[in-house]
Amino acid sequence: MSAQEQLKAIVRQKYSEIALQDKATNQSSCCGAGGCSTEVYNIMTDDYSKVEGYVPDADLGLGCGLPTQFAKIKEGDTVIDLGSGAGNDCFVARAETGAAGKVIGIDFTPAMIVKAKANAENLGYTNVEFRQGDIDNMPVAAGVADVIVSNCVLNLVPDKAKVFKEIYRVLKPGAHFSISDIVLVGELPGNLRKDAEMYAGCVAGAIQKSTYLALIQANGFENILLQKEKAVVIPDDILKSYLNENELQNYKTDQTGIFSITVYAEKPVLEKDACCGSGCCQ
């Protein structure tokens, strides 16, 4: 099994466990990865409670933003949610597309698909569907989506460039995405990065903010906009599990930071070939 396949297996196992946990447990941990803090707080999540279409049973507390808030979804749109979990962002998007639109959730964890389908059935929604599959190889035809959203998921995928290529393929010309994700500024200490639980917990799978934005540009997108940015503060009782006292002090005093960002970008109306190697498209 390759390193990328091993990482995918770790994430799949963790999120299968998360699907069976309640929201409070997920919110008090590292993005649902486990009870890794003695305090109860929301490390990354934003509050959905006042958002139209919000379904508490579908909210597992795993997000790091509110991408639908910035996604410019219109009535009748076809929206795809990458890493749809129990369906929370899909149901919020459905409130904006209305009955005339269509929402497709994609998740590679069977337990999440089961949970999301049950939620949709309970709500009586016939225009929201959930498909099992990898977001770097979506079970969706090319050029079908008006909008793509995702909430704290791309950072879990080893080959992020491949995901952006897939997003480009699936969007209609002139269509756009709004994605919330975790990125880094500066290098995390090695012990923090390599731990499997922290990988499944959204932190160690993150890449540099500059690299993340460059990948979007390199894959042919335009009008790239950073819609929201906030620092993610990991409390000491988590950090002490990975860092000694000297490493902890250095981590706090250097320029290293973990951030939740929400990024918007458009696929050009006149398509360009997305770059497949190093460098940026001209």
C-alpha atoms as a PDB file:
ATOM      1  CA  MET A   1       0.000   0.000   0.000  1.00  0.00           C
ATOM      2  CA  SER A   2       1.397   3.418  -0.964  1.00  0.00           C
ATOM      3  CA  ALA A   3       1.814   6.261   1.527  1.00  0.00           C
ATOM      4  CA  GLN A   4      -1.156   8.090   0.008  1.00  0.00           C
ATOM      5  CA  GLU A   5      -3.324   4.983   0.250  1.00  0.00           C
ATOM      6  CA  GLN A   6      -2.282   4.541   3.893  1.00  0.00           C
ATOM      7  CA  LEU A   7      -3.281   8.109   4.697  1.00  0.00           C
ATOM      8  CA  LYS A   8      -6.637   7.636   2.998  1.00  0.00           C
ATOM      9  CA  ALA A   9      -7.188   4.473   5.023  1.00  0.00           C
ATOM     10  CA  ILE A  10      -6.430   6.351   8.243  1.00  0.00           C
ATOM     11  CA  VAL A  11      -8.908   9.092   7.389  1.00  0.00           C
ATOM     12  CA  ARG A  12     -11.594   6.610   6.308  1.00  0.00           C
ATOM     13  CA  GLN A  13     -11.267   4.690   9.565  1.00  0.00           C
ATOM     14  CA  LYS A  14     -11.368   7.826  11.700  1.00  0.00           C
ATOM     15  CA  TYR A  15     -14.377   9.299   9.923  1.00  0.00           C
ATOM     16  CA  SER A  16     -16.221   5.992  10.143  1.00  0.00           C
ATOM     17  CA  GLU A  17     -15.808   6.291  13.918  1.00  0.00           C
ATOM     18  CA  ILE A  18     -16.784   9.978  13.839  1.00  0.00           C
ATOM     19  CA  ALA A  19     -20.035   9.140  12.039  1.00  0.00           C
ATOM     20  CA  LEU A  20     -21.101   7.259  15.163  1.00  0.00           C
ATOM     21  CA  GLN A  21     -20.145  10.038  17.594  1.00  0.00           C
ATOM     22  CA  ASP A  22     -22.353  12.918  18.668  1.00  0.00           C
ATOM     23  CA  LYS A  23     -21.671  16.549  17.812  1.00  0.00           C
ATOM     24  CA  ALA A  24     -20.480  17.467  21.314  1.00  0.00           C
ATOM     25  CA  THR A  25     -17.787  14.784  21.213  1.00  0.00           C
ATOM     26  CA  ASN A  26     -16.613  15.883  17.774  1.00  0.00           C
ATOM     27  CA  GLN A  27     -16.517  19.574  18.676  1.00  0.00           C
ATOM     28  CA  SER A  28     -14.488  18.987  21.833  1.00  0.00           C
ATOM     29  CA  SER A  29     -11.787  17.108  19.941  1.00  0.00           C
ATOM     30  CA  CYS A  30      -9.331  17.665  17.094  1.00  0.00           C
ATOM     31  CA  CYS A  31     -11.900  18.039  14.329  1.00  0.00           C
ATOM     32  CA  GLY A  32     -13.575  14.875  15.603  1.00  0.00           C
ATOM     33  CA  ALA A  33     -10.406  12.783  15.660  1.00  0.00           C
ATOM     34  CA  GLY A  34     -10.621  11.887  19.327  1.00  0.00           C
ATOM     35  CA  GLY A  35     -10.978  13.187  22.860  1.00  0.00           C
ATOM     36  CA  CYS A  36      -7.598  14.870  22.745  1.00  0.00           C
ATOM     37  CA  SER A  37      -8.392  17.763  25.059  1.00  0.00           C
ATOM     38  CA  THR A  38      -9.602  17.941  28.639  1.00  0.00           C
ATOM     39  CA  GLU A  39     -11.449  21.171  27.888  1.00  0.00           C
ATOM     40  CA  VAL A  40     -14.645  21.535  25.873  1.00  0.00           C
ATOM     41  CA  TYR A  41     -14.404  24.133  23.124  1.00  0.00           C
ATOM     42  CA  ASN A  42     -14.862  24.434  19.388  1.00  0.00           C
ATOM     43  CA  ILE A  43     -11.353  24.403  17.965  1.00  0.00           C
ATOM     44  CA  MET A  44     -12.363  25.103  14.371  1.00  0.00           C
ATOM     45  CA  THR A  45     -16.124  25.029  13.877  1.00  0.00           C
ATOM     46  CA  ASP A  46     -18.385  27.958  13.021  1.00  0.00           C
ATOM     47  CA  ASP A  47     -21.946  28.352  14.284  1.00  0.00           C
ATOM     48  CA  TYR A  48     -24.631  27.143  11.875  1.00  0.00           C
ATOM     49  CA  SER A  49     -27.574  27.492  14.240  1.00  0.00           C
ATOM     50  CA  LYS A  50     -29.004  30.629  12.604  1.00  0.00           C
ATOM     51  CA  VAL A  51     -28.355  29.537   8.995  1.00  0.00           C
ATOM     52  CA  GLU A  52     -31.413  28.790   6.869  1.00  0.00           C
ATOM     53  CA  GLY A  53     -31.676  25.099   6.048  1.00  0.00           C
ATOM     54  CA  TYR A  54     -29.617  24.042   9.050  1.00  0.00           C
ATOM     55  CA  VAL A  55     -30.401  20.506  10.274  1.00  0.00           C
ATOM     56  CA  PRO A  56     -28.933  19.784  13.737  1.00  0.00           C
ATOM     57  CA  ASP A  57     -28.993  16.008  13.192  1.00  0.00           C
ATOM     58  CA  ALA A  58     -26.746  16.468  10.140  1.00  0.00           C
ATOM     59  CA  ASP A  59     -24.209  18.684  11.913  1.00  0.00           C
ATOM     60  CA  LEU A  60     -21.341  16.623  13.311  1.00  0.00           C
ATOM     61  CA  GLY A  61     -19.303  19.701  14.226  1.00  0.00           C
ATOM     62  CA  LEU A  62     -16.501  18.873  11.786  1.00  0.00           C
ATOM     63  CA  GLY A  63     -16.279  22.028   9.693  1.00  0.00           C
ATOM     64  CA  CYS A  64     -13.898  24.972   9.868  1.00  0.00           C
ATOM     65  CA  GLY A  65     -16.026  27.595   8.114  1.00  0.00           C
ATOM     66  CA  LEU A  66     -19.354  28.422   6.503  1.00  0.00           C
ATOM     67  CA  PRO A  67     -18.605  28.049   2.783  1.00  0.00           C
ATOM     68  CA  THR A  68     -22.275  28.161   1.755  1.00  0.00           C
ATOM     69  CA  GLN A  69     -22.469  31.661   3.260  1.00  0.00           C
ATOM     70  CA  PHE A  70     -20.021  32.901   0.616  1.00  0.00           C
ATOM     71  CA  ALA A  71     -20.904  30.572  -2.267  1.00  0.00           C
ATOM     72  CA  LYS A  72     -23.373  32.813  -4.159  1.00  0.00           C
ATOM     73  CA  ILE A  73     -25.805  29.928  -4.635  1.00  0.00           C
ATOM     74  CA  LYS A  74     -28.864  30.828  -6.710  1.00  0.00           C
ATOM     75  CA  GLU A  75     -32.260  29.227  -7.035  1.00  0.00           C
ATOM     76  CA  GLY A  76     -32.141  26.316  -9.480  1.00  0.00           C
ATOM     77  CA  ASP A  77     -28.363  25.806  -9.205  1.00  0.00           C
ATOM     78  CA  THR A  78     -26.688  22.412  -9.173  1.00  0.00           C
ATOM     79  CA  VAL A  79     -24.409  22.351  -6.127  1.00  0.00           C
ATOM     80  CA  ILE A  80     -21.836  19.719  -5.205  1.00  0.00           C
ATOM     81  CA  ASP A  81     -20.509  19.382  -1.654  1.00  0.00           C
ATOM     82  CA  LEU A  82     -17.117  17.666  -1.370  1.00  0.00           C
ATOM     83  CA  GLY A  83     -16.803  15.547   1.768  1.00  0.00           C
ATOM     84  CA  SER A  84     -20.471  15.917   2.619  1.00  0.00           C
ATOM     85  CA  GLY A  85     -20.456  13.959   5.877  1.00  0.00           C
ATOM     86  CA  ALA A  86     -23.937  13.653   7.373  1.00  0.00           C
ATOM     87  CA  GLY A  87     -25.276  16.225   4.905  1.00  0.00           C
ATOM     88  CA  ASN A  88     -25.189  19.499   6.819  1.00  0.00           C
ATOM     89  CA  ASP A  89     -23.848  21.775   4.063  1.00  0.00           C
ATOM     90  CA  CYS A  90     -25.970  19.973   1.461  1.00  0.00           C
ATOM     91  CA  PHE A  91     -29.152  20.817   3.341  1.00  0.00           C
ATOM     92  CA  VAL A  92     -28.070  24.437   3.782  1.00  0.00           C
ATOM     93  CA  ALA A  93     -27.305  24.614   0.034  1.00  0.00           C
ATOM     94  CA  ARG A  94     -30.708  23.072  -0.721  1.00  0.00           C
ATOM     95  CA  ALA A  95     -32.390  25.920   1.136  1.00  0.00           C
ATOM     96  CA  GLU A  96     -30.767  28.284  -1.374  1.00  0.00           C
ATOM     97  CA  THR A  97     -31.243  26.272  -4.565  1.00  0.00           C
ATOM     98  CA  GLY A  98     -34.871  25.539  -3.712  1.00  0.00           C
ATOM     99  CA  ALA A  99     -36.874  22.635  -5.070  1.00  0.00           C
ATOM    100  CA  ALA A 100     -35.810  23.564  -8.622  1.00  0.00           C
ATOM    101  CA  GLY A 101     -32.132  22.993  -7.874  1.00  0.00           C
ATOM    102  CA  LYS A 102     -30.093  19.890  -7.189  1.00  0.00           C
ATOM    103  CA  VAL A 103     -27.526  19.133  -4.501  1.00  0.00           C
ATOM    104  CA  ILE A 104     -25.040  16.252  -4.665  1.00  0.00           C
ATOM    105  CA  GLY A 105     -22.944  15.261  -1.670  1.00  0.00           C
ATOM    106  CA  ILE A 106     -19.795  13.188  -2.194  1.00  0.00           C
ATOM    107  CA  ASP A 107     -18.099  11.325   0.651  1.00  0.00           C
ATOM    108  CA  PHE A 108     -15.781   8.322   0.660  1.00  0.00           C
ATOM    109  CA  THR A 109     -16.871   6.994   4.060  1.00  0.00           C
ATOM    110  CA  PRO A 110     -19.748   4.480   3.791  1.00  0.00           C
ATOM    111  CA  ALA A 111     -21.006   5.233   7.316  1.00  0.00           C
ATOM    112  CA  MET A 112     -21.338   8.932   6.450  1.00  0.00           C
ATOM    113  CA  ILE A 113     -23.269   8.156   3.259  1.00  0.00           C
ATOM    114  CA  VAL A 114     -25.694   5.968   5.231  1.00  0.00           C
ATOM    115  CA  LYS A 115     -26.213   8.728   7.795  1.00  0.00           C
ATOM    116  CA  ALA A 116     -26.674  11.448   5.166  1.00  0.00           C
ATOM    117  CA  LYS A 117     -29.184   9.420   3.139  1.00  0.00           C
ATOM    118  CA  ALA A 118     -31.212   8.732   6.282  1.00  0.00           C
ATOM    119  CA  ASN A 119     -31.269  12.454   7.086  1.00  0.00           C
ATOM    120  CA  ALA A 120     -32.401  13.342   3.545  1.00  0.00           C
ATOM    121  CA  GLU A 121     -35.127  10.713   3.679  1.00  0.00           C
ATOM    122  CA  ASN A 122     -36.379  12.007   7.028  1.00  0.00           C
ATOM    123  CA  LEU A 123     -36.534  15.510   5.555  1.00  0.00           C
ATOM    124  CA  GLY A 124     -38.366  14.308   2.458  1.00  0.00           C
ATOM    125  CA  TYR A 125     -35.836  15.911   0.109  1.00  0.00           C
ATOM    126  CA  THR A 126     -35.921  14.377  -3.355  1.00  0.00           C
ATOM    127  CA  ASN A 127     -33.403  16.766  -4.941  1.00  0.00           C
ATOM    128  CA  VAL A 128     -30.531  16.016  -2.530  1.00  0.00           C
ATOM    129  CA  GLU A 129     -28.502  12.879  -3.191  1.00  0.00           C
ATOM    130  CA  PHE A 130     -25.345  11.376  -1.759  1.00  0.00           C
ATOM    131  CA  ARG A 131     -22.710   9.445  -3.696  1.00  0.00           C
ATOM    132  CA  GLN A 132     -19.849   7.449  -2.272  1.00  0.00           C
ATOM    133  CA  GLY A 133     -16.526   8.211  -3.899  1.00  0.00           C
ATOM    134  CA  ASP A 134     -13.205  10.032  -3.669  1.00  0.00           C
ATOM    135  CA  ILE A 135     -13.213  13.773  -4.242  1.00  0.00           C
ATOM    136  CA  ASP A 136     -10.000  13.379  -6.271  1.00  0.00           C
ATOM    137  CA  ASN A 137     -11.949  11.101  -8.631  1.00  0.00           C
ATOM    138  CA  MET A 138     -15.539  12.265  -8.386  1.00  0.00           C
ATOM    139  CA  PRO A 139     -18.450  10.062  -9.451  1.00  0.00           C
ATOM    140  CA  VAL A 140     -19.848  13.013 -11.412  1.00  0.00           C
ATOM    141  CA  ALA A 141     -19.867  13.898 -15.117  1.00  0.00           C
ATOM    142  CA  ALA A 142     -17.862  16.858 -16.420  1.00  0.00           C
ATOM    143  CA  GLY A 143     -19.390  20.327 -16.546  1.00  0.00           C
ATOM    144  CA  VAL A 144     -22.455  19.731 -14.369  1.00  0.00           C
ATOM    145  CA  ALA A 145     -21.967  21.985 -11.320  1.00  0.00           C
ATOM    146  CA  ASP A 146     -22.864  25.650 -10.968  1.00  0.00           C
ATOM    147  CA  VAL A 147     -21.262  25.783  -7.525  1.00  0.00           C
ATOM    148  CA  ILE A 148     -18.931  23.529  -5.543  1.00  0.00           C
ATOM    149  CA  VAL A 149     -18.575  23.871  -1.783  1.00  0.00           C
ATOM    150  CA  SER A 150     -16.479  22.006   0.763  1.00  0.00           C
ATOM    151  CA  ASN A 151     -15.901  22.400   4.477  1.00  0.00           C
ATOM    152  CA  CYS A 152     -12.593  21.331   6.028  1.00  0.00           C
ATOM    153  CA  VAL A 153     -12.054  18.340   3.725  1.00  0.00           C
ATOM    154  CA  LEU A 154      -9.406  19.028   1.059  1.00  0.00           C
ATOM    155  CA  ASN A 155      -6.735  19.195   3.752  1.00  0.00           C
ATOM    156  CA  LEU A 156      -7.439  15.498   4.428  1.00  0.00           C
ATOM    157  CA  VAL A 157      -6.622  14.485   0.839  1.00  0.00           C
ATOM    158  CA  PRO A 158      -2.954  13.667   0.117  1.00  0.00           C
ATOM    159  CA  ASP A 159      -3.042  14.836  -3.550  1.00  0.00           C
ATOM    160  CA  LYS A 160      -4.701  18.243  -3.358  1.00  0.00           C
ATOM    161  CA  ALA A 161      -3.671  19.202  -6.901  1.00  0.00           C
ATOM    162  CA  LYS A 162      -5.690  16.256  -8.193  1.00  0.00           C
ATOM    163  CA  VAL A 163      -8.758  17.507  -6.298  1.00  0.00           C
ATOM    164  CA  PHE A 164      -8.502  20.946  -7.886  1.00  0.00           C
ATOM    165  CA  LYS A 165      -8.197  19.337 -11.316  1.00  0.00           C
ATOM    166  CA  GLU A 166     -11.387  17.412 -10.576  1.00  0.00           C
ATOM    167  CA  ILE A 167     -13.156  20.557  -9.386  1.00  0.00           C
ATOM    168  CA  TYR A 168     -12.194  22.261 -12.643  1.00  0.00           C
ATOM    169  CA  ARG A 169     -13.507  19.299 -14.653  1.00  0.00           C
ATOM    170  CA  VAL A 170     -16.856  19.115 -12.869  1.00  0.00           C
ATOM    171  CA  LEU A 171     -17.670  22.847 -12.861  1.00  0.00           C
ATOM    172  CA  LYS A 172     -19.487  24.417 -15.797  1.00  0.00           C
ATOM    173  CA  PRO A 173     -17.563  27.131 -17.682  1.00  0.00           C
ATOM    174  CA  GLY A 174     -17.997  30.365 -15.701  1.00  0.00           C
ATOM    175  CA  ALA A 175     -19.049  28.456 -12.566  1.00  0.00           C
ATOM    176  CA  HIS A 176     -17.280  28.784  -9.226  1.00  0.00           C
ATOM    177  CA  PHE A 177     -16.366  27.212  -5.893  1.00  0.00           C
ATOM    178  CA  SER A 178     -16.244  28.397  -2.290  1.00  0.00           C
ATOM    179  CA  ILE A 179     -14.163  26.149  -0.048  1.00  0.00           C
ATOM    180  CA  SER A 180     -13.297  26.361   3.646  1.00  0.00           C
ATOM    181  CA  ASP A 181     -10.102  24.595   4.637  1.00  0.00           C
ATOM    182  CA  ILE A 182      -7.169  24.470   7.028  1.00  0.00           C
ATOM    183  CA  VAL A 183      -3.792  25.852   5.916  1.00  0.00           C
ATOM    184  CA  LEU A 184      -0.451  26.649   7.517  1.00  0.00           C
ATOM    185  CA  VAL A 185       1.855  29.625   7.664  1.00  0.00           C
ATOM    186  CA  GLY A 186       5.317  28.391   8.619  1.00  0.00           C
ATOM    187  CA  GLU A 187       6.259  24.792   9.421  1.00  0.00           C
ATOM    188  CA  LEU A 188       4.585  22.741  12.143  1.00  0.00           C
ATOM    189  CA  PRO A 189       6.946  20.807  14.444  1.00  0.00           C
ATOM    190  CA  GLY A 190       7.593  17.297  13.121  1.00  0.00           C
ATOM    191  CA  ASN A 191       5.879  15.435  15.967  1.00  0.00           C
ATOM    192  CA  LEU A 192       2.704  17.403  15.397  1.00  0.00           C
ATOM    193  CA  ARG A 193       2.690  16.795  11.647  1.00  0.00           C
ATOM    194  CA  LYS A 194       3.383  13.088  11.600  1.00  0.00           C
ATOM    195  CA  ASP A 195       0.817  11.866  14.094  1.00  0.00           C
ATOM    196  CA  ALA A 196      -1.985   9.915  12.372  1.00  0.00           C
ATOM    197  CA  GLU A 197      -4.712  11.189  14.693  1.00  0.00           C
ATOM    198  CA  MET A 198      -3.761  14.785  14.003  1.00  0.00           C
ATOM    199  CA  TYR A 199      -3.802  13.980  10.287  1.00  0.00           C
ATOM    200  CA  ALA A 200      -7.388  12.779  10.584  1.00  0.00           C
ATOM    201  CA  GLY A 201      -7.987  15.768  12.827  1.00  0.00           C
ATOM    202  CA  CYS A 202      -7.433  18.268  10.027  1.00  0.00           C
ATOM    203  CA  VAL A 203      -4.102  19.756  11.072  1.00  0.00           C
ATOM    204  CA  ALA A 204      -1.201  17.587   9.944  1.00  0.00           C
ATOM    205  CA  GLY A 205      -2.679  17.132   6.457  1.00  0.00           C
ATOM    206  CA  ALA A 206      -2.717  20.882   5.861  1.00  0.00           C
ATOM    207  CA  ILE A 207      -0.275  22.575   3.478  1.00  0.00           C
ATOM    208  CA  GLN A 208       1.156  26.072   3.306  1.00  0.00           C
ATOM    209  CA  LYS A 209      -1.360  28.814   2.560  1.00  0.00           C
ATOM    210  CA  SER A 210       0.792  30.116  -0.304  1.00  0.00           C
ATOM    211  CA  THR A 211       1.043  26.622  -1.815  1.00  0.00           C
ATOM    212  CA  TYR A 212      -2.708  26.085  -1.496  1.00  0.00           C
ATOM    213  CA  LEU A 213      -3.538  29.318  -3.319  1.00  0.00           C
ATOM    214  CA  ALA A 214      -0.882  28.590  -5.963  1.00  0.00           C
ATOM    215  CA  LEU A 215      -2.479  25.192  -6.671  1.00  0.00           C
ATOM    216  CA  ILE A 216      -5.778  26.907  -7.397  1.00  0.00           C
ATOM    217  CA  GLN A 217      -4.141  29.296  -9.846  1.00  0.00           C
ATOM    218  CA  ALA A 218      -2.016  26.560 -11.430  1.00  0.00           C
ATOM    219  CA  ASN A 219      -5.139  24.565 -12.259  1.00  0.00           C
ATOM    220  CA  GLY A 220      -6.647  27.298 -14.392  1.00  0.00           C
ATOM    221  CA  PHE A 221      -8.974  29.137 -12.005  1.00  0.00           C
ATOM    222  CA  GLU A 222      -9.375  32.908 -12.051  1.00  0.00           C
ATOM    223  CA  ASN A 223     -10.766  35.687  -9.840  1.00  0.00           C
ATOM    224  CA  ILE A 224      -9.349  33.936  -6.782  1.00  0.00           C
ATOM    225  CA  LEU A 225     -10.556  35.622  -3.599  1.00  0.00           C
ATOM    226  CA  LEU A 226      -9.777  34.932   0.047  1.00  0.00           C
ATOM    227  CA  GLN A 227     -13.253  35.435   1.492  1.00  0.00           C
ATOM    228  CA  LYS A 228     -12.480  34.754   5.155  1.00  0.00           C
ATOM    229  CA  GLU A 229      -9.479  33.932   7.317  1.00  0.00           C
ATOM    230  CA  LYS A 230      -9.231  33.150  11.023  1.00  0.00           C
ATOM    231  CA  ALA A 231      -6.512  31.745  13.244  1.00  0.00           C
ATOM    232  CA  VAL A 232      -6.998  28.287  14.745  1.00  0.00           C
ATOM    233  CA  VAL A 233      -5.670  28.163  18.295  1.00  0.00           C
ATOM    234  CA  ILE A 234      -4.708  24.688  19.512  1.00  0.00           C
ATOM    235  CA  PRO A 235      -4.760  24.696  23.330  1.00  0.00           C
ATOM    236  CA  ASP A 236      -1.737  23.713  25.389  1.00  0.00           C
ATOM    237  CA  ASP A 237      -3.181  20.423  26.627  1.00  0.00           C
ATOM    238  CA  ILE A 238      -3.270  19.190  23.036  1.00  0.00           C
ATOM    239  CA  LEU A 239       0.099  20.631  22.058  1.00  0.00           C
ATOM    240  CA  LYS A 240       1.800  19.062  25.088  1.00  0.00           C
ATOM    241  CA  SER A 241       0.896  15.630  23.737  1.00  0.00           C
ATOM    242  CA  TYR A 242       3.203  16.284  20.795  1.00  0.00           C
ATOM    243  CA  LEU A 243       5.769  18.873  21.892  1.00  0.00           C
ATOM    244  CA  ASN A 244       8.240  19.137  24.738  1.00  0.00           C
ATOM    245  CA  GLU A 245       8.473  22.391  26.716  1.00  0.00           C
ATOM    246  CA  ASN A 246      11.178  23.879  24.494  1.00  0.00           C
ATOM    247  CA  GLU A 247       9.298  22.991  21.291  1.00  0.00           C
ATOM    248  CA  LEU A 248       6.088  24.395  22.776  1.00  0.00           C
ATOM    249  CA  GLN A 249       7.710  27.740  23.558  1.00  0.00           C
ATOM    250  CA  ASN A 250       9.291  27.944  20.104  1.00  0.00           C
ATOM    251  CA  TYR A 251       5.949  27.111  18.503  1.00  0.00           C
ATOM    252  CA  LYS A 252       4.280  29.978  20.366  1.00  0.00           C
ATOM    253  CA  THR A 253       6.947  32.565  19.652  1.00  0.00           C
ATOM    254  CA  ASP A 254       7.834  31.922  16.016  1.00  0.00           C
ATOM    255  CA  GLN A 255       5.731  32.818  12.974  1.00  0.00           C
ATOM    256  CA  THR A 256       4.036  29.417  12.660  1.00  0.00           C
ATOM    257  CA  GLY A 257       0.259  29.550  12.440  1.00  0.00           C
ATOM    258  CA  ILE A 258      -2.738  27.372  11.616  1.00  0.00           C
ATOM    259  CA  PHE A 259      -5.580  29.115   9.813  1.00  0.00           C
ATOM    260  CA  SER A 260      -9.074  28.416   8.595  1.00  0.00           C
ATOM    261  CA  ILE A 261      -9.613  30.077   5.230  1.00  0.00           C
ATOM    262  CA  THR A 262     -12.539  30.300   2.849  1.00  0.00           C
ATOM    263  CA  VAL A 263     -11.469  30.670  -0.773  1.00  0.00           C
ATOM    264  CA  TYR A 264     -13.557  31.562  -3.844  1.00  0.00           C
ATOM    265  CA  ALA A 265     -12.479  31.014  -7.457  1.00  0.00           C
ATOM    266  CA  GLU A 266     -14.085  30.758 -10.889  1.00  0.00           C
ATOM    267  CA  LYS A 267     -13.595  28.459 -13.844  1.00  0.00           C
ATOM    268  CA  PRO A 268     -13.097  30.675 -16.919  1.00  0.00           C
ATOM    269  CA  VAL A 269     -15.970  31.002 -19.367  1.00  0.00           C
ATOM    270  CA  LEU A 270     -13.447  30.267 -22.115  1.00  0.00           C
ATOM    271  CA  GLU A 271     -11.567  27.289 -20.744  1.00  0.00           C
ATOM    272  CA  LYS A 272      -7.811  27.102 -20.598  1.00  0.00           C
ATOM    273  CA  ASP A 273      -5.892  23.884 -20.176  1.00  0.00           C
ATOM    274  CA  ALA A 274      -5.209  23.393 -16.488  1.00  0.00           C
ATOM    275  CA  CYS A 275      -1.506  23.072 -15.709  1.00  0.00           C
ATOM    276  CA  CYS A 276      -0.396  19.536 -14.995  1.00  0.00           C
ATOM    277  CA  GLY A 277       3.223  20.235 -14.107  1.00  0.00           C
ATOM    278  CA  SER A 278       5.189  22.838 -12.226  1.00  0.00           C
ATOM    279  CA  GLY A 279       4.609  26.517 -12.753  1.00  0.00           C
ATOM    280  CA  CYS A 280       1.461  28.496 -13.424  1.00  0.00           C
ATOM    281  CA  CYS A 281      -0.806  28.835 -16.429  1.00  0.00           C
ATOM    282  CA  GLN A 282      -0.186  31.844 -18.657  1.00  0.00           C
END
